[in-house]
Amino acid sequence: MKAVFIGKFNEERREFLRKTSTFTAYTLAGIGFLSACEKEENTPQGQNEQPVNEKEAEEAITVTGTAVRIDLAKLDSLKSAGAWLLISQARLLVVNLGNNNFKVLSSVCTHQGCSDSWNFANNLFICTCHNSRFRTDGTVEQGPASSPLRVYQTALSNDVLTITL
């Protein structure tokens, strides 16, 4: 399985982003014309974001042509609110919104098709290729993307999250 990535947003990161957002906005506006669609290398990564152990991911995540199944008993880190997961093989973003409420979106950014460069902060998925931001319902919060991400249907039963492709 290729590049499974999981993270959890924390309060310290939220405060950092809040304090730096104004500075970042002015900086990007000032030099935006010079670097129009250049990948933003300095997008902060969450402190708890870590690649999932390959063996753990293979045991917990099953990808077929019609569905993806995640055994939460084997991938315990996705059980907490705010935890998120990028499944590169299936091109999916999975986020736990709390109270057994999971949202699953396409990880293919609608701006230029980047699929493996994502962060999650303030309940927004951020495509770090060009800094487009999407709400957990897939709608665009901030461009350059102008179209929403595809949303997938999910079902949770006996600690197994099934995503219908």
Protein backbone atom coordinates (compact mmCIF):
# COMPACT_ATOMS: atom_id res chain seq x y z
CA MET A 1 0.00 0.00 0.00
CA LYS A 2 1.42 3.39 -0.91
CA ALA A 3 1.71 6.42 1.40
CA VAL A 4 -0.88 6.15 4.08
CA PHE A 5 -0.64 9.26 6.22
CA ILE A 6 -2.47 10.04 9.41
CA GLY A 7 -2.60 13.11 11.59
CA LYS A 8 -4.40 14.86 14.39
CA PHE A 9 -4.78 18.60 14.64
CA ASN A 10 -3.79 20.04 18.00
CA GLU A 11 -4.42 23.30 19.88
CA GLU A 12 -0.79 24.44 19.64
CA ARG A 13 -0.92 24.27 15.85
CA ARG A 14 -4.27 26.08 15.79
CA GLU A 15 -2.74 28.97 17.78
CA PHE A 16 0.32 29.07 15.51
CA LEU A 17 -1.86 29.25 12.40
CA ARG A 18 -4.07 31.95 13.92
CA LYS A 19 -1.06 34.15 14.76
CA THR A 20 0.63 33.73 11.40
CA SER A 21 -2.39 33.90 9.08
CA THR A 22 -2.31 37.70 8.66
CA PHE A 23 1.41 37.74 7.96
CA THR A 24 1.04 34.88 5.50
CA ALA A 25 -1.85 36.58 3.70
CA TYR A 26 0.14 39.78 3.20
CA THR A 27 3.22 37.87 2.11
CA LEU A 28 1.33 35.75 -0.41
CA ALA A 29 -0.53 38.75 -1.78
CA GLY A 30 2.74 40.66 -2.17
CA ILE A 31 4.65 37.95 -4.01
CA GLY A 32 1.75 36.00 -5.49
CA PHE A 33 2.33 37.33 -8.97
CA LEU A 34 5.91 35.97 -8.89
CA SER A 35 5.02 32.42 -7.79
CA ALA A 36 1.49 31.99 -9.11
CA CYS A 37 1.04 28.23 -8.87
CA GLU A 38 4.29 27.18 -7.29
CA LYS A 39 4.09 24.52 -4.60
CA GLU A 40 4.02 26.09 -1.15
CA GLU A 41 6.91 24.39 0.65
CA ASN A 42 6.41 26.09 4.01
CA THR A 43 2.91 24.88 4.83
CA PRO A 44 3.22 23.79 8.47
CA GLN A 45 2.87 20.11 9.19
CA GLY A 46 1.03 18.99 12.30
CA GLN A 47 3.22 17.67 15.06
CA ASN A 48 1.25 14.44 15.37
CA GLU A 49 1.20 13.63 11.67
CA GLN A 50 3.10 10.43 11.02
CA PRO A 51 3.13 7.83 8.32
CA VAL A 52 1.27 4.76 9.44
CA ASN A 53 3.35 1.61 9.74
CA GLU A 54 3.13 -0.21 6.39
CA LYS A 55 2.18 -3.52 7.99
CA GLU A 56 -0.44 -1.85 10.21
CA ALA A 57 -1.97 -0.12 7.18
CA GLU A 58 -2.03 -3.31 5.12
CA GLU A 59 -3.83 -5.08 7.94
CA ALA A 60 -6.29 -2.26 8.62
CA ILE A 61 -7.11 -0.93 5.14
CA THR A 62 -8.53 -2.97 2.28
CA VAL A 63 -8.96 -1.35 -1.13
CA THR A 64 -11.08 -3.03 -3.81
CA GLY A 65 -12.58 -1.76 -7.05
CA THR A 66 -15.86 -0.77 -5.37
CA ALA A 67 -15.02 -0.06 -1.74
CA VAL A 68 -12.40 0.76 0.86
CA ARG A 69 -12.67 -0.81 4.29
CA ILE A 70 -10.85 0.50 7.35
CA ASP A 71 -10.74 -1.71 10.43
CA LEU A 72 -10.66 0.89 13.20
CA ALA A 73 -9.75 -1.76 15.76
CA LYS A 74 -6.46 -2.18 13.89
CA LEU A 75 -6.00 1.54 13.13
CA ASP A 76 -6.88 2.94 16.53
CA SER A 77 -5.35 6.35 15.79
CA LEU A 78 -8.24 7.18 13.43
CA LYS A 79 -10.82 6.69 16.20
CA SER A 80 -10.35 10.12 17.82
CA ALA A 81 -12.08 13.32 16.69
CA GLY A 82 -9.83 15.42 14.47
CA ALA A 83 -7.79 12.46 13.26
CA TRP A 84 -7.44 12.19 9.51
CA LEU A 85 -5.98 9.87 6.94
CA LEU A 86 -4.78 10.10 3.36
CA ILE A 87 -5.02 6.83 1.44
CA SER A 88 -2.96 7.48 -1.68
CA GLN A 89 -3.79 4.16 -3.32
CA ALA A 90 -7.51 5.00 -3.33
CA ARG A 91 -7.02 8.79 -3.57
CA LEU A 92 -9.10 9.44 -0.46
CA LEU A 93 -9.05 11.80 2.50
CA VAL A 94 -10.76 10.43 5.62
CA VAL A 95 -11.50 12.58 8.67
CA ASN A 96 -13.10 11.69 11.99
CA LEU A 97 -15.44 14.57 12.93
CA GLY A 98 -16.30 12.95 16.28
CA ASN A 99 -19.26 10.91 17.55
CA ASN A 100 -18.58 8.18 14.96
CA ASN A 101 -19.08 10.72 12.16
CA PHE A 102 -16.57 10.22 9.34
CA LYS A 103 -16.30 12.24 6.13
CA VAL A 104 -14.49 10.93 3.08
CA LEU A 105 -13.44 13.13 0.18
CA SER A 106 -11.45 12.65 -2.99
CA SER A 107 -7.80 13.56 -2.47
CA VAL A 108 -7.56 14.79 -6.06
CA CYS A 109 -7.54 18.58 -5.84
CA THR A 110 -9.92 20.17 -8.32
CA HIS A 111 -7.42 22.92 -9.13
CA GLN A 112 -4.67 20.97 -10.90
CA GLY A 113 -5.07 17.37 -9.77
CA CYS A 114 -2.52 17.11 -6.93
CA SER A 115 -3.44 14.09 -4.83
CA ASP A 116 -0.71 13.38 -2.25
CA SER A 117 -0.02 16.77 -0.67
CA TRP A 118 -2.56 17.48 2.06
CA ASN A 119 -2.82 18.94 5.55
CA PHE A 120 -5.85 19.25 7.81
CA ALA A 121 -6.29 22.33 10.03
CA ASN A 122 -9.25 24.22 11.49
CA ASN A 123 -11.65 21.68 9.95
CA LEU A 124 -10.23 22.41 6.49
CA PHE A 125 -8.28 20.19 4.14
CA ILE A 126 -5.43 22.17 2.60
CA CYS A 127 -3.92 21.09 -0.70
CA THR A 128 -0.31 22.11 -0.21
CA CYS A 129 0.42 22.14 -3.95
CA HIS A 130 -1.30 25.52 -4.42
CA ASN A 131 -2.94 26.19 -1.03
CA SER A 132 -6.57 25.51 -1.97
CA ARG A 133 -8.70 24.89 1.11
CA PHE A 134 -11.76 22.67 1.35
CA ARG A 135 -14.35 22.22 4.09
CA THR A 136 -15.10 18.71 5.34
CA ASP A 137 -18.21 18.66 3.13
CA GLY A 138 -15.95 19.10 0.09
CA THR A 139 -16.87 22.70 -0.71
CA VAL A 140 -14.15 25.23 -1.52
CA GLU A 141 -13.23 27.58 1.32
CA GLN A 142 -10.40 29.29 -0.58
CA GLY A 143 -9.04 28.92 -4.11
CA PRO A 144 -7.38 28.73 -6.52
CA ALA A 145 -9.65 25.64 -6.77
CA SER A 146 -13.17 26.59 -7.77
CA SER A 147 -14.91 23.19 -7.74
CA PRO A 148 -15.67 21.06 -4.67
CA LEU A 149 -14.01 17.76 -3.86
CA ARG A 150 -16.06 14.63 -4.45
CA VAL A 151 -17.71 13.25 -1.29
CA TYR A 152 -18.00 9.48 -0.76
CA GLN A 153 -20.67 7.56 1.12
CA THR A 154 -19.61 5.79 4.31
CA ALA A 155 -21.04 3.19 6.67
CA LEU A 156 -19.72 2.26 10.09
CA SER A 157 -20.46 -1.19 11.48
CA ASN A 158 -18.62 -3.18 14.16
CA ASP A 159 -15.58 -0.87 14.08
CA VAL A 160 -15.25 -1.17 10.29
CA LEU A 161 -15.65 1.96 8.19
CA THR A 162 -16.75 1.13 4.64
CA ILE A 163 -16.35 3.71 1.90
CA THR A 164 -18.31 3.14 -1.29
CA LEU A 165 -16.33 4.13 -4.37
